[in-house]
Amino acid sequence: LASCQRDAAPVAPPADRITVGGLEFQYIPGGSFQMGSARERFSAVRPVTLSPFYVAREPVRKALFRQF
């Protein structure tokens, strides 16, 4: 496996912000947290894990959405 080699090149961290199609996106690191509430009858507490992702910094308007 390439990732197991001692002399493998270091992986660059993802860009904090990127621009695609005129939209600016913010990097959101992945992580884990507990979701739910022990007080709510139908909302059990459970672990949630998210992979890292990018999210648009501003709402996407209909005109821009149609372009894509």
Protein backbone atom coordinates (compact mmCIF):
# COMPACT_ATOMS: atom_id res chain seq x y z
CA LEU A 1 0.00 0.00 0.00
CA ALA A 2 1.36 3.39 -0.97
CA SER A 3 0.08 5.05 2.19
CA CYS A 4 2.09 2.64 4.32
CA GLN A 5 5.47 3.47 2.81
CA ARG A 6 7.91 5.31 5.06
CA ASP A 7 9.10 7.61 2.28
CA ALA A 8 5.61 8.45 0.93
CA ALA A 9 5.07 12.14 0.22
CA PRO A 10 3.10 13.93 2.94
CA VAL A 11 -0.51 14.67 2.11
CA ALA A 12 -1.31 18.37 1.92
CA PRO A 13 -4.18 19.51 4.12
CA PRO A 14 -7.33 20.55 2.25
CA ALA A 15 -7.76 24.19 1.30
CA ASP A 16 -9.70 26.19 3.91
CA ARG A 17 -11.76 27.81 1.13
CA ILE A 18 -12.25 27.04 -2.55
CA THR A 19 -14.14 28.77 -5.36
CA VAL A 20 -16.12 26.74 -7.89
CA GLY A 21 -18.38 28.26 -10.52
CA GLY A 22 -18.31 31.63 -8.80
CA LEU A 23 -19.35 30.19 -5.44
CA GLU A 24 -17.06 30.22 -2.42
CA PHE A 25 -17.01 27.05 -0.32
CA GLN A 26 -15.77 26.64 3.27
CA TYR A 27 -14.03 23.44 4.40
CA ILE A 28 -15.74 21.68 7.32
CA PRO A 29 -13.56 19.08 9.06
CA GLY A 30 -15.11 15.74 9.87
CA GLY A 31 -15.73 14.64 13.40
CA SER A 32 -17.99 12.80 15.81
CA PHE A 33 -20.61 13.98 18.28
CA GLN A 34 -23.65 12.74 20.21
CA MET A 35 -27.01 13.56 18.59
CA GLY A 36 -30.39 13.48 20.27
CA SER A 37 -31.70 14.12 23.73
CA ALA A 38 -32.15 11.87 26.73
CA ARG A 39 -35.08 14.11 27.75
CA GLU A 40 -37.06 13.64 24.54
CA ARG A 41 -39.32 10.61 24.28
CA PHE A 42 -38.61 9.85 20.60
CA SER A 43 -35.07 11.16 20.28
CA ALA A 44 -32.52 8.64 21.55
CA VAL A 45 -28.92 9.80 22.01
CA ARG A 46 -26.71 8.21 19.37
CA PRO A 47 -23.21 8.77 18.00
CA VAL A 48 -22.87 10.52 14.65
CA THR A 49 -19.70 10.69 12.54
CA LEU A 50 -19.34 13.02 9.57
CA SER A 51 -16.68 12.90 6.88
CA PRO A 52 -15.02 16.21 5.98
CA PHE A 53 -16.87 18.26 3.37
CA TYR A 54 -17.19 21.68 1.75
CA VAL A 55 -20.31 23.85 2.10
CA ALA A 56 -21.28 26.98 0.16
CA ARG A 57 -20.71 30.11 2.23
CA GLU A 58 -23.86 31.77 0.87
CA PRO A 59 -27.24 30.46 -0.28
CA VAL A 60 -27.45 29.22 -3.85
CA ARG A 61 -30.00 31.31 -5.75
CA LYS A 62 -32.30 29.78 -8.39
CA ALA A 63 -30.50 31.48 -11.28
CA LEU A 64 -27.14 30.06 -10.22
CA PHE A 65 -28.64 26.63 -9.57
CA ARG A 66 -30.06 26.58 -13.10
CA GLN A 67 -26.58 27.19 -14.51
CA PHE A 68 -25.41 23.92 -13.03
